[in-house]
PDB file of N, CA and C in Angstrom:
ATOM      1  N   MET A   1       0.849  -1.179   0.000  1.00  0.00           N
ATOM      2  CA  MET A   1       0.000   0.000   0.000  1.00  0.00           C
ATOM      3  C   MET A   1       0.889   1.235   0.000  1.00  0.00           C
ATOM      4  N   SER A   2       0.716   2.088  -0.978  1.00  0.00           N
ATOM      5  CA  SER A   2       1.522   3.313  -1.010  1.00  0.00           C
ATOM      6  C   SER A   2       0.763   4.446  -0.329  1.00  0.00           C
ATOM      7  N   GLU A   3       1.524   5.286   0.294  1.00  0.00           N
ATOM      8  CA  GLU A   3       0.956   6.397   1.052  1.00  0.00           C
ATOM      9  C   GLU A   3       1.270   7.695   0.325  1.00  0.00           C
ATOM     10  N   LYS A   4       0.278   8.521   0.100  1.00  0.00           N
ATOM     11  CA  LYS A   4       0.496   9.800  -0.567  1.00  0.00           C
ATOM     12  C   LYS A   4       0.954  10.820   0.469  1.00  0.00           C
ATOM     13  N   ILE A   5       2.066  11.482   0.183  1.00  0.00           N
ATOM     14  CA  ILE A   5       2.585  12.498   1.095  1.00  0.00           C
ATOM     15  C   ILE A   5       2.111  13.865   0.620  1.00  0.00           C
ATOM     16  N   GLU A   6       1.476  14.592   1.508  1.00  0.00           N
ATOM     17  CA  GLU A   6       0.960  15.927   1.212  1.00  0.00           C
ATOM     18  C   GLU A   6       1.754  16.963   1.995  1.00  0.00           C
ATOM     19  N   PRO A   7       1.966  18.169   1.424  1.00  0.00           N
ATOM     20  CA  PRO A   7       2.638  19.212   2.200  1.00  0.00           C
ATOM     21  C   PRO A   7       1.789  19.636   3.393  1.00  0.00           C
ATOM     22  N   VAL A   8       2.447  20.017   4.448  1.00  0.00           N
ATOM     23  CA  VAL A   8       1.760  20.450   5.662  1.00  0.00           C
ATOM     24  C   VAL A   8       1.245  21.871   5.476  1.00  0.00           C
ATOM     25  N   ARG A   9       0.025  22.124   5.920  1.00  0.00           N
ATOM     26  CA  ARG A   9      -0.529  23.485   5.917  1.00  0.00           C
ATOM     27  C   ARG A   9      -0.842  23.834   7.360  1.00  0.00           C
ATOM     28  N   VAL A  10      -0.040  24.697   7.912  1.00  0.00           N
ATOM     29  CA  VAL A  10      -0.225  25.136   9.284  1.00  0.00           C
ATOM     30  C   VAL A  10      -0.910  26.491   9.253  1.00  0.00           C
ATOM     31  N   ASN A  11      -1.978  26.618  10.003  1.00  0.00           N
ATOM     32  CA  ASN A  11      -2.743  27.862  10.073  1.00  0.00           C
ATOM     33  C   ASN A  11      -3.060  28.426   8.689  1.00  0.00           C
ATOM     34  N   PRO A  12      -3.826  27.707   7.877  1.00  0.00           N
ATOM     35  CA  PRO A  12      -4.145  28.228   6.549  1.00  0.00           C
ATOM     36  C   PRO A  12      -4.924  29.536   6.657  1.00  0.00           C
ATOM     37  N   VAL A  13      -4.722  30.388   5.683  1.00  0.00           N
ATOM     38  CA  VAL A  13      -5.408  31.674   5.674  1.00  0.00           C
ATOM     39  C   VAL A  13      -6.853  31.455   5.268  1.00  0.00           C
ATOM     40  N   ILE A  14      -7.771  31.950   6.082  1.00  0.00           N
ATOM     41  CA  ILE A  14      -9.196  31.890   5.766  1.00  0.00           C
ATOM     42  C   ILE A  14      -9.606  33.295   5.359  1.00  0.00           C
ATOM     43  N   ARG A  15     -10.062  33.433   4.142  1.00  0.00           N
ATOM     44  CA  ARG A  15     -10.406  34.754   3.629  1.00  0.00           C
ATOM     45  C   ARG A  15     -11.920  34.902   3.518  1.00  0.00           C
ATOM     46  N   HIS A  16     -12.371  36.086   3.848  1.00  0.00           N
ATOM     47  CA  HIS A  16     -13.768  36.450   3.671  1.00  0.00           C
ATOM     48  C   HIS A  16     -13.970  36.836   2.207  1.00  0.00           C
ATOM     49  N   ASP A  17     -15.183  36.680   1.706  1.00  0.00           N
ATOM     50  CA  ASP A  17     -15.470  37.014   0.310  1.00  0.00           C
ATOM     51  C   ASP A  17     -15.128  38.460  -0.031  1.00  0.00           C
ATOM     52  N   TYR A  18     -15.229  39.364   0.942  1.00  0.00           N
ATOM     53  CA  TYR A  18     -14.965  40.779   0.685  1.00  0.00           C
ATOM     54  C   TYR A  18     -13.521  41.173   0.976  1.00  0.00           C
ATOM     55  N   GLU A  19     -12.713  40.225   1.369  1.00  0.00           N
ATOM     56  CA  GLU A  19     -11.323  40.511   1.717  1.00  0.00           C
ATOM     57  C   GLU A  19     -10.440  40.421   0.473  1.00  0.00           C
ATOM     58  N   ALA A  20      -9.650  41.451   0.251  1.00  0.00           N
ATOM     59  CA  ALA A  20      -8.744  41.481  -0.895  1.00  0.00           C
ATOM     60  C   ALA A  20      -7.351  41.042  -0.459  1.00  0.00           C
ATOM     61  N   SER A  21      -6.598  40.477  -1.393  1.00  0.00           N
ATOM     62  CA  SER A  21      -5.237  40.056  -1.062  1.00  0.00           C
ATOM     63  C   SER A  21      -4.347  40.150  -2.298  1.00  0.00           C
ATOM     64  N   ILE A  22      -3.050  40.207  -2.045  1.00  0.00           N
ATOM     65  CA  ILE A  22      -2.034  40.194  -3.094  1.00  0.00           C
ATOM     66  C   ILE A  22      -1.068  39.063  -2.759  1.00  0.00           C
ATOM     67  N   THR A  23      -0.752  38.240  -3.729  1.00  0.00           N
ATOM     68  CA  THR A  23       0.241  37.190  -3.544  1.00  0.00           C
ATOM     69  C   THR A  23       1.571  37.691  -4.083  1.00  0.00           C
ATOM     70  N   MET A  24       2.617  37.545  -3.272  1.00  0.00           N
ATOM     71  CA  MET A  24       3.938  38.042  -3.667  1.00  0.00           C
ATOM     72  C   MET A  24       4.884  36.897  -4.004  1.00  0.00           C
ATOM     73  N   LYS A  25       4.451  35.936  -4.796  1.00  0.00           N
ATOM     74  CA  LYS A  25       5.317  34.796  -5.071  1.00  0.00           C
ATOM     75  C   LYS A  25       6.332  35.075  -6.178  1.00  0.00           C
ATOM     76  N   ASP A  26       6.147  36.125  -6.941  1.00  0.00           N
ATOM     77  CA  ASP A  26       7.055  36.438  -8.047  1.00  0.00           C
ATOM     78  C   ASP A  26       7.913  37.659  -7.731  1.00  0.00           C
ATOM     79  N   GLY A  27       9.019  37.783  -8.443  1.00  0.00           N
ATOM     80  CA  GLY A  27       9.849  38.977  -8.358  1.00  0.00           C
ATOM     81  C   GLY A  27      10.840  39.027  -7.213  1.00  0.00           C
ATOM     82  N   TRP A  28      11.082  37.910  -6.552  1.00  0.00           N
ATOM     83  CA  TRP A  28      11.978  37.913  -5.396  1.00  0.00           C
ATOM     84  C   TRP A  28      13.437  37.892  -5.818  1.00  0.00           C
ATOM     85  N   LYS A  29      14.256  38.680  -5.117  1.00  0.00           N
ATOM     86  CA  LYS A  29      15.711  38.698  -5.268  1.00  0.00           C
ATOM     87  C   LYS A  29      16.309  38.135  -3.985  1.00  0.00           C
ATOM     88  N   PHE A  30      17.561  37.690  -4.077  1.00  0.00           N
ATOM     89  CA  PHE A  30      18.153  36.996  -2.945  1.00  0.00           C
ATOM     90  C   PHE A  30      19.655  37.220  -2.903  1.00  0.00           C
ATOM     91  N   ARG A  31      20.198  37.144  -1.690  1.00  0.00           N
ATOM     92  CA  ARG A  31      21.650  37.213  -1.510  1.00  0.00           C
ATOM     93  C   ARG A  31      22.034  36.535  -0.203  1.00  0.00           C
ATOM     94  N   LEU A  32      23.034  35.681  -0.273  1.00  0.00           N
ATOM     95  CA  LEU A  32      23.597  35.095   0.939  1.00  0.00           C
ATOM     96  C   LEU A  32      24.451  36.142   1.645  1.00  0.00           C
ATOM     97  N   ASP A  33      24.553  36.020   2.958  1.00  0.00           N
ATOM     98  CA  ASP A  33      25.330  36.976   3.763  1.00  0.00           C
ATOM     99  C   ASP A  33      26.226  36.207   4.738  1.00  0.00           C
ATOM    100  N   PRO A  34      27.249  35.489   4.222  1.00  0.00           N
ATOM    101  CA  PRO A  34      28.074  34.658   5.100  1.00  0.00           C
ATOM    102  C   PRO A  34      28.869  35.449   6.134  1.00  0.00           C
ATOM    103  N   LYS A  35      29.129  36.730   5.864  1.00  0.00           N
ATOM    104  CA  LYS A  35      29.866  37.562   6.827  1.00  0.00           C
ATOM    105  C   LYS A  35      28.922  38.317   7.760  1.00  0.00           C
ATOM    106  N   ASP A  36      27.616  38.139   7.561  1.00  0.00           N
ATOM    107  CA  ASP A  36      26.591  38.808   8.377  1.00  0.00           C
ATOM    108  C   ASP A  36      26.804  40.324   8.413  1.00  0.00           C
ATOM    109  N   GLU A  37      27.005  40.894   7.223  1.00  0.00           N
ATOM    110  CA  GLU A  37      27.303  42.315   7.114  1.00  0.00           C
ATOM    111  C   GLU A  37      26.179  43.133   6.481  1.00  0.00           C
ATOM    112  N   GLY A  38      25.099  42.489   6.087  1.00  0.00           N
ATOM    113  CA  GLY A  38      24.020  43.167   5.376  1.00  0.00           C
ATOM    114  C   GLY A  38      23.376  44.303   6.144  1.00  0.00           C
ATOM    115  N   VAL A  39      23.172  44.123   7.446  1.00  0.00           N
ATOM    116  CA  VAL A  39      22.562  45.193   8.247  1.00  0.00           C
ATOM    117  C   VAL A  39      23.499  46.395   8.289  1.00  0.00           C
ATOM    118  N   GLY A  40      24.773  46.166   8.593  1.00  0.00           N
ATOM    119  CA  GLY A  40      25.740  47.256   8.680  1.00  0.00           C
ATOM    120  C   GLY A  40      25.921  47.992   7.366  1.00  0.00           C
ATOM    121  N   LEU A  41      25.821  47.271   6.250  1.00  0.00           N
ATOM    122  CA  LEU A  41      25.949  47.891   4.932  1.00  0.00           C
ATOM    123  C   LEU A  41      24.607  48.372   4.386  1.00  0.00           C
ATOM    124  N   ARG A  42      23.567  48.222   5.182  1.00  0.00           N
ATOM    125  CA  ARG A  42      22.225  48.717   4.860  1.00  0.00           C
ATOM    126  C   ARG A  42      21.681  48.164   3.529  1.00  0.00           C
ATOM    127  N   TRP A  43      21.845  46.849   3.353  1.00  0.00           N
ATOM    128  CA  TRP A  43      21.327  46.231   2.140  1.00  0.00           C
ATOM    129  C   TRP A  43      19.833  46.463   1.988  1.00  0.00           C
ATOM    130  N   PHE A  44      19.122  46.612   3.102  1.00  0.00           N
ATOM    131  CA  PHE A  44      17.670  46.804   3.052  1.00  0.00           C
ATOM    132  C   PHE A  44      17.293  48.105   2.351  1.00  0.00           C
ATOM    133  N   ASN A  45      18.217  49.052   2.200  1.00  0.00           N
ATOM    134  CA  ASN A  45      17.967  50.308   1.486  1.00  0.00           C
ATOM    135  C   ASN A  45      18.598  50.318   0.105  1.00  0.00           C
ATOM    136  N   ASN A  46      19.114  49.196  -0.352  1.00  0.00           N
ATOM    137  CA  ASN A  46      19.854  49.157  -1.606  1.00  0.00           C
ATOM    138  C   ASN A  46      19.392  47.991  -2.475  1.00  0.00           C
ATOM    139  N   PRO A  47      18.398  48.222  -3.341  1.00  0.00           N
ATOM    140  CA  PRO A  47      17.915  47.130  -4.192  1.00  0.00           C
ATOM    141  C   PRO A  47      19.001  46.525  -5.074  1.00  0.00           C
ATOM    142  N   ALA A  48      20.024  47.298  -5.421  1.00  0.00           N
ATOM    143  CA  ALA A  48      21.104  46.785  -6.271  1.00  0.00           C
ATOM    144  C   ALA A  48      21.949  45.730  -5.558  1.00  0.00           C
ATOM    145  N   ALA A  49      21.832  45.636  -4.236  1.00  0.00           N
ATOM    146  CA  ALA A  49      22.594  44.635  -3.474  1.00  0.00           C
ATOM    147  C   ALA A  49      22.108  43.218  -3.769  1.00  0.00           C
ATOM    148  N   PHE A  50      20.912  43.094  -4.307  1.00  0.00           N
ATOM    149  CA  PHE A  50      20.313  41.781  -4.562  1.00  0.00           C
ATOM    150  C   PHE A  50      20.349  41.494  -6.060  1.00  0.00           C
ATOM    151  N   THR A  51      21.248  40.618  -6.465  1.00  0.00           N
ATOM    152  CA  THR A  51      21.448  40.370  -7.893  1.00  0.00           C
ATOM    153  C   THR A  51      20.909  39.021  -8.356  1.00  0.00           C
ATOM    154  N   GLU A  52      20.600  38.126  -7.442  1.00  0.00           N
ATOM    155  CA  GLU A  52      20.139  36.781  -7.796  1.00  0.00           C
ATOM    156  C   GLU A  52      18.625  36.679  -7.682  1.00  0.00           C
ATOM    157  N   LYS A  53      18.004  35.933  -8.588  1.00  0.00           N
ATOM    158  CA  LYS A  53      16.574  35.642  -8.500  1.00  0.00           C
ATOM    159  C   LYS A  53      16.394  34.354  -7.708  1.00  0.00           C
ATOM    160  N   ILE A  54      15.277  34.295  -6.961  1.00  0.00           N
ATOM    161  CA  ILE A  54      14.972  33.082  -6.198  1.00  0.00           C
ATOM    162  C   ILE A  54      13.476  32.799  -6.288  1.00  0.00           C
ATOM    163  N   ASN A  55      13.120  31.526  -6.318  1.00  0.00           N
ATOM    164  CA  ASN A  55      11.712  31.127  -6.328  1.00  0.00           C
ATOM    165  C   ASN A  55      11.186  31.059  -4.906  1.00  0.00           C
ATOM    166  N   VAL A  56      10.032  31.666  -4.703  1.00  0.00           N
ATOM    167  CA  VAL A  56       9.355  31.661  -3.404  1.00  0.00           C
ATOM    168  C   VAL A  56       7.941  31.151  -3.643  1.00  0.00           C
ATOM    169  N   PRO A  57       7.453  30.169  -2.890  1.00  0.00           N
ATOM    170  CA  PRO A  57       8.132  29.493  -1.795  1.00  0.00           C
ATOM    171  C   PRO A  57       9.186  28.520  -2.313  1.00  0.00           C
ATOM    172  N   GLY A  58      10.150  28.251  -1.469  1.00  0.00           N
ATOM    173  CA  GLY A  58      11.222  27.320  -1.791  1.00  0.00           C
ATOM    174  C   GLY A  58      12.423  27.585  -0.917  1.00  0.00           C
ATOM    175  N   CYS A  59      13.229  26.583  -0.700  1.00  0.00           N
ATOM    176  CA  CYS A  59      14.417  26.777   0.134  1.00  0.00           C
ATOM    177  C   CYS A  59      15.608  27.111  -0.756  1.00  0.00           C
ATOM    178  N   TRP A  60      16.514  27.927  -0.225  1.00  0.00           N
ATOM    179  CA  TRP A  60      17.645  28.367  -1.046  1.00  0.00           C
ATOM    180  C   TRP A  60      18.608  27.235  -1.367  1.00  0.00           C
ATOM    181  N   GLN A  61      18.769  26.264  -0.451  1.00  0.00           N
ATOM    182  CA  GLN A  61      19.679  25.154  -0.726  1.00  0.00           C
ATOM    183  C   GLN A  61      19.196  24.327  -1.923  1.00  0.00           C
ATOM    184  N   GLY A  62      17.898  24.176  -2.040  1.00  0.00           N
ATOM    185  CA  GLY A  62      17.332  23.433  -3.155  1.00  0.00           C
ATOM    186  C   GLY A  62      17.449  24.166  -4.475  1.00  0.00           C
ATOM    187  N   GLN A  63      17.823  25.454  -4.435  1.00  0.00           N
ATOM    188  CA  GLN A  63      17.984  26.257  -5.646  1.00  0.00           C
ATOM    189  C   GLN A  63      19.455  26.595  -5.903  1.00  0.00           C
ATOM    190  N   ARG A  64      20.321  25.806  -5.297  1.00  0.00           N
ATOM    191  CA  ARG A  64      21.769  25.888  -5.490  1.00  0.00           C
ATOM    192  C   ARG A  64      22.409  27.153  -4.928  1.00  0.00           C
ATOM    193  N   PHE A  65      21.784  27.754  -3.930  1.00  0.00           N
ATOM    194  CA  PHE A  65      22.439  28.853  -3.220  1.00  0.00           C
ATOM    195  C   PHE A  65      23.255  28.247  -2.092  1.00  0.00           C
ATOM    196  N   GLY A  66      24.481  28.642  -1.988  1.00  0.00           N
ATOM    197  CA  GLY A  66      25.354  28.105  -0.956  1.00  0.00           C
ATOM    198  C   GLY A  66      26.637  27.599  -1.568  1.00  0.00           C
ATOM    199  N   TYR A  67      27.250  26.676  -0.889  1.00  0.00           N
ATOM    200  CA  TYR A  67      28.539  26.156  -1.322  1.00  0.00           C
ATOM    201  C   TYR A  67      28.334  24.839  -2.033  1.00  0.00           C
ATOM    202  N   GLY A  68      29.372  24.350  -2.694  1.00  0.00           N
ATOM    203  CA  GLY A  68      29.283  23.098  -3.424  1.00  0.00           C
ATOM    204  C   GLY A  68      28.995  21.920  -2.510  1.00  0.00           C
ATOM    205  N   GLY A  69      28.658  20.812  -3.118  1.00  0.00           N
ATOM    206  CA  GLY A  69      28.365  19.613  -2.344  1.00  0.00           C
ATOM    207  C   GLY A  69      26.891  19.500  -2.035  1.00  0.00           C
ATOM    208  N   THR A  70      26.587  18.593  -1.150  1.00  0.00           N
ATOM    209  CA  THR A  70      25.198  18.400  -0.745  1.00  0.00           C
ATOM    210  C   THR A  70      25.108  18.447   0.766  1.00  0.00           C
ATOM    211  N   ASP A  71      23.924  18.711   1.245  1.00  0.00           N
ATOM    212  CA  ASP A  71      23.649  18.758   2.676  1.00  0.00           C
ATOM    213  C   ASP A  71      22.444  17.867   2.916  1.00  0.00           C
ATOM    214  N   GLU A  72      22.477  17.086   3.963  1.00  0.00           N
ATOM    215  CA  GLU A  72      21.364  16.190   4.253  1.00  0.00           C
ATOM    216  C   GLU A  72      20.691  16.592   5.554  1.00  0.00           C
ATOM    217  N   ILE A  73      19.367  16.637   5.535  1.00  0.00           N
ATOM    218  CA  ILE A  73      18.586  16.918   6.737  1.00  0.00           C
ATOM    219  C   ILE A  73      17.497  15.867   6.852  1.00  0.00           C
ATOM    220  N   GLN A  74      16.885  15.796   8.018  1.00  0.00           N
ATOM    221  CA  GLN A  74      15.759  14.892   8.210  1.00  0.00           C
ATOM    222  C   GLN A  74      14.477  15.707   8.170  1.00  0.00           C
ATOM    223  N   ASP A  75      13.508  15.235   7.389  1.00  0.00           N
ATOM    224  CA  ASP A  75      12.233  15.928   7.336  1.00  0.00           C
ATOM    225  C   ASP A  75      11.369  15.518   8.533  1.00  0.00           C
ATOM    226  N   PHE A  76      10.127  15.971   8.544  1.00  0.00           N
ATOM    227  CA  PHE A  76       9.259  15.719   9.692  1.00  0.00           C
ATOM    228  C   PHE A  76       8.957  14.241   9.907  1.00  0.00           C
ATOM    229  N   ARG A  77       9.150  13.425   8.904  1.00  0.00           N
ATOM    230  CA  ARG A  77       8.959  11.977   9.050  1.00  0.00           C
ATOM    231  C   ARG A  77      10.278  11.262   9.328  1.00  0.00           C
ATOM    232  N   LEU A  78      11.333  12.024   9.557  1.00  0.00           N
ATOM    233  CA  LEU A  78      12.681  11.524   9.814  1.00  0.00           C
ATOM    234  C   LEU A  78      13.272  10.811   8.603  1.00  0.00           C
ATOM    235  N   ASN A  79      12.796  11.163   7.421  1.00  0.00           N
ATOM    236  CA  ASN A  79      13.413  10.692   6.188  1.00  0.00           C
ATOM    237  C   ASN A  79      14.539  11.657   5.836  1.00  0.00           C
ATOM    238  N   VAL A  80      15.640  11.151   5.365  1.00  0.00           N
ATOM    239  CA  VAL A  80      16.766  12.011   4.997  1.00  0.00           C
ATOM    240  C   VAL A  80      16.501  12.619   3.627  1.00  0.00           C
ATOM    241  N   ARG A  81      16.652  13.943   3.545  1.00  0.00           N
ATOM    242  CA  ARG A  81      16.508  14.663   2.280  1.00  0.00           C
ATOM    243  C   ARG A  81      17.855  15.284   1.944  1.00  0.00           C
ATOM    244  N   SER A  82      18.224  15.240   0.696  1.00  0.00           N
ATOM    245  CA  SER A  82      19.504  15.781   0.266  1.00  0.00           C
ATOM    246  C   SER A  82      19.280  17.069  -0.521  1.00  0.00           C
ATOM    247  N   PHE A  83      20.026  18.118  -0.160  1.00  0.00           N
ATOM    248  CA  PHE A  83      19.968  19.389  -0.874  1.00  0.00           C
ATOM    249  C   PHE A  83      21.196  19.527  -1.758  1.00  0.00           C
ATOM    250  N   ARG A  84      21.077  20.323  -2.819  1.00  0.00           N
ATOM    251  CA  ARG A  84      22.150  20.439  -3.795  1.00  0.00           C
ATOM    252  C   ARG A  84      23.198  21.481  -3.439  1.00  0.00           C
ATOM    253  N   ALA A  85      23.105  22.113  -2.311  1.00  0.00           N
ATOM    254  CA  ALA A  85      24.098  23.098  -1.880  1.00  0.00           C
ATOM    255  C   ALA A  85      24.106  23.123  -0.359  1.00  0.00           C
ATOM    256  N   THR A  86      25.199  23.567   0.211  1.00  0.00           N
ATOM    257  CA  THR A  86      25.309  23.641   1.664  1.00  0.00           C
ATOM    258  C   THR A  86      25.513  25.084   2.088  1.00  0.00           C
ATOM    259  N   TYR A  87      24.794  25.515   3.093  1.00  0.00           N
ATOM    260  CA  TYR A  87      24.974  26.852   3.669  1.00  0.00           C
ATOM    261  C   TYR A  87      24.128  26.936   4.925  1.00  0.00           C
ATOM    262  N   LYS A  88      24.739  27.386   5.990  1.00  0.00           N
ATOM    263  CA  LYS A  88      24.010  27.681   7.218  1.00  0.00           C
ATOM    264  C   LYS A  88      24.414  29.080   7.609  1.00  0.00           C
ATOM    265  N   GLY A  89      23.485  29.999   7.579  1.00  0.00           N
ATOM    266  CA  GLY A  89      23.788  31.389   7.892  1.00  0.00           C
ATOM    267  C   GLY A  89      22.659  32.287   7.442  1.00  0.00           C
ATOM    268  N   THR A  90      22.963  33.550   7.306  1.00  0.00           N
ATOM    269  CA  THR A  90      21.972  34.563   6.965  1.00  0.00           C
ATOM    270  C   THR A  90      21.761  34.633   5.462  1.00  0.00           C
ATOM    271  N   GLY A  91      20.516  34.778   5.064  1.00  0.00           N
ATOM    272  CA  GLY A  91      20.153  35.017   3.673  1.00  0.00           C
ATOM    273  C   GLY A  91      19.142  36.147   3.622  1.00  0.00           C
ATOM    274  N   TRP A  92      19.253  36.990   2.630  1.00  0.00           N
ATOM    275  CA  TRP A  92      18.367  38.151   2.480  1.00  0.00           C
ATOM    276  C   TRP A  92      17.446  37.961   1.281  1.00  0.00           C
ATOM    277  N   TYR A  93      16.188  38.280   1.485  1.00  0.00           N
ATOM    278  CA  TYR A  93      15.196  38.289   0.414  1.00  0.00           C
ATOM    279  C   TYR A  93      14.752  39.732   0.191  1.00  0.00           C
ATOM    280  N   ALA A  94      14.478  40.088  -1.060  1.00  0.00           N
ATOM    281  CA  ALA A  94      14.001  41.439  -1.362  1.00  0.00           C
ATOM    282  C   ALA A  94      12.904  41.366  -2.417  1.00  0.00           C
ATOM    283  N   ASN A  95      11.900  42.202  -2.235  1.00  0.00           N
ATOM    284  CA  ASN A  95      10.818  42.318  -3.202  1.00  0.00           C
ATOM    285  C   ASN A  95      10.162  43.674  -2.996  1.00  0.00           C
ATOM    286  N   ILE A  96       9.423  44.118  -3.974  1.00  0.00           N
ATOM    287  CA  ILE A  96       8.715  45.396  -3.871  1.00  0.00           C
ATOM    288  C   ILE A  96       7.223  45.113  -3.932  1.00  0.00           C
ATOM    289  N   LEU A  97       6.504  45.652  -2.977  1.00  0.00           N
ATOM    290  CA  LEU A  97       5.051  45.500  -2.921  1.00  0.00           C
ATOM    291  C   LEU A  97       4.408  46.831  -3.285  1.00  0.00           C
ATOM    292  N   GLN A  98       3.605  46.819  -4.324  1.00  0.00           N
ATOM    293  CA  GLN A  98       2.854  48.009  -4.726  1.00  0.00           C
ATOM    294  C   GLN A  98       1.479  47.961  -4.058  1.00  0.00           C
ATOM    295  N   ILE A  99       1.208  48.955  -3.213  1.00  0.00           N
ATOM    296  CA  ILE A  99      -0.077  49.022  -2.519  1.00  0.00           C
ATOM    297  C   ILE A  99      -1.087  49.719  -3.425  1.00  0.00           C
ATOM    298  N   PRO A 100      -2.224  49.077  -3.715  1.00  0.00           N
ATOM    299  CA  PRO A 100      -3.245  49.729  -4.534  1.00  0.00           C
ATOM    300  C   PRO A 100      -3.740  51.019  -3.872  1.00  0.00           C
ATOM    301  N   GLU A 101      -4.030  52.001  -4.675  1.00  0.00           N
ATOM    302  CA  GLU A 101      -4.462  53.317  -4.179  1.00  0.00           C
ATOM    303  C   GLU A 101      -5.660  53.197  -3.239  1.00  0.00           C
ATOM    304  N   GLN A 102      -6.620  52.327  -3.557  1.00  0.00           N
ATOM    305  CA  GLN A 102      -7.827  52.200  -2.731  1.00  0.00           C
ATOM    306  C   GLN A 102      -7.544  51.571  -1.368  1.00  0.00           C
ATOM    307  N   TRP A 103      -6.352  51.030  -1.136  1.00  0.00           N
ATOM    308  CA  TRP A 103      -5.984  50.438   0.145  1.00  0.00           C
ATOM    309  C   TRP A 103      -5.237  51.409   1.045  1.00  0.00           C
ATOM    310  N   LYS A 104      -4.856  52.564   0.562  1.00  0.00           N
ATOM    311  CA  LYS A 104      -3.935  53.449   1.299  1.00  0.00           C
ATOM    312  C   LYS A 104      -4.450  53.886   2.658  1.00  0.00           C
ATOM    313  N   SER A 105      -5.734  53.976   2.866  1.00  0.00           N
ATOM    314  CA  SER A 105      -6.257  54.411   4.169  1.00  0.00           C
ATOM    315  C   SER A 105      -6.726  53.230   5.026  1.00  0.00           C
ATOM    316  N   LYS A 106      -6.458  52.017   4.571  1.00  0.00           N
ATOM    317  CA  LYS A 106      -6.941  50.834   5.285  1.00  0.00           C
ATOM    318  C   LYS A 106      -5.835  50.180   6.103  1.00  0.00           C
ATOM    319  N   ARG A 107      -6.253  49.381   7.054  1.00  0.00           N
ATOM    320  CA  ARG A 107      -5.314  48.596   7.846  1.00  0.00           C
ATOM    321  C   ARG A 107      -4.901  47.374   7.024  1.00  0.00           C
ATOM    322  N   LEU A 108      -3.589  47.162   6.903  1.00  0.00           N
ATOM    323  CA  LEU A 108      -3.068  46.074   6.084  1.00  0.00           C
ATOM    324  C   LEU A 108      -2.286  45.084   6.945  1.00  0.00           C
ATOM    325  N   TRP A 109      -2.275  43.843   6.511  1.00  0.00           N
ATOM    326  CA  TRP A 109      -1.511  42.790   7.185  1.00  0.00           C
ATOM    327  C   TRP A 109      -0.544  42.202   6.177  1.00  0.00           C
ATOM    328  N   LEU A 110       0.690  41.999   6.608  1.00  0.00           N
ATOM    329  CA  LEU A 110       1.693  41.336   5.790  1.00  0.00           C
ATOM    330  C   LEU A 110       1.976  39.982   6.432  1.00  0.00           C
ATOM    331  N   ARG A 111       1.711  38.914   5.697  1.00  0.00           N
ATOM    332  CA  ARG A 111       1.846  37.562   6.248  1.00  0.00           C
ATOM    333  C   ARG A 111       2.985  36.830   5.548  1.00  0.00           C
ATOM    334  N   PHE A 112       3.920  36.335   6.343  1.00  0.00           N
ATOM    335  CA  PHE A 112       5.012  35.520   5.828  1.00  0.00           C
ATOM    336  C   PHE A 112       4.739  34.075   6.209  1.00  0.00           C
ATOM    337  N   GLY A 113       4.535  33.234   5.243  1.00  0.00           N
ATOM    338  CA  GLY A 113       4.327  31.824   5.522  1.00  0.00           C
ATOM    339  C   GLY A 113       5.637  31.065   5.424  1.00  0.00           C
ATOM    340  N   GLY A 114       5.905  30.230   6.379  1.00  0.00           N
ATOM    341  CA  GLY A 114       7.088  29.384   6.326  1.00  0.00           C
ATOM    342  C   GLY A 114       8.399  30.070   6.617  1.00  0.00           C
ATOM    343  N   ALA A 115       8.378  31.260   7.183  1.00  0.00           N
ATOM    344  CA  ALA A 115       9.628  31.946   7.537  1.00  0.00           C
ATOM    345  C   ALA A 115      10.161  31.394   8.854  1.00  0.00           C
ATOM    346  N   HIS A 116      11.471  31.392   8.992  1.00  0.00           N
ATOM    347  CA  HIS A 116      12.093  30.932  10.239  1.00  0.00           C
ATOM    348  C   HIS A 116      11.696  31.882  11.366  1.00  0.00           C
ATOM    349  N   PRO A 117      11.448  31.388  12.567  1.00  0.00           N
ATOM    350  CA  PRO A 117      11.017  32.250  13.676  1.00  0.00           C
ATOM    351  C   PRO A 117      11.961  33.410  13.983  1.00  0.00           C
ATOM    352  N   SER A 118      13.238  33.294  13.639  1.00  0.00           N
ATOM    353  CA  SER A 118      14.169  34.388  13.924  1.00  0.00           C
ATOM    354  C   SER A 118      14.131  35.480  12.863  1.00  0.00           C
ATOM    355  N   ALA A 119      13.391  35.259  11.779  1.00  0.00           N
ATOM    356  CA  ALA A 119      13.351  36.256  10.696  1.00  0.00           C
ATOM    357  C   ALA A 119      12.538  37.474  11.100  1.00  0.00           C
TER     358      ALA A 119
END
């Protein structure tokens, strides 16, 4: 008997029919920060600091960001998964969100799904 593995959905977003939303899955830029210098160099104010494209959602190791070789981790079922790059450290994501004019006076929520708790 084969078992179908489904991705985990923790706290799925429940939207009301009148609630508007924007999905920001496209247009993401990325940069590794092995020296942890991005804050001091104010990368957050410099869009030119981000030269690589990255797919979101997705992990950077699976997209070959990091060093050569492979890295193995255990998933939630304790199965070993192999990634195509190795890196443990800081990574920066950048994107631009255009707020529609009709939303400018409204209360807005920005939701990050799957971000590390320290982010």
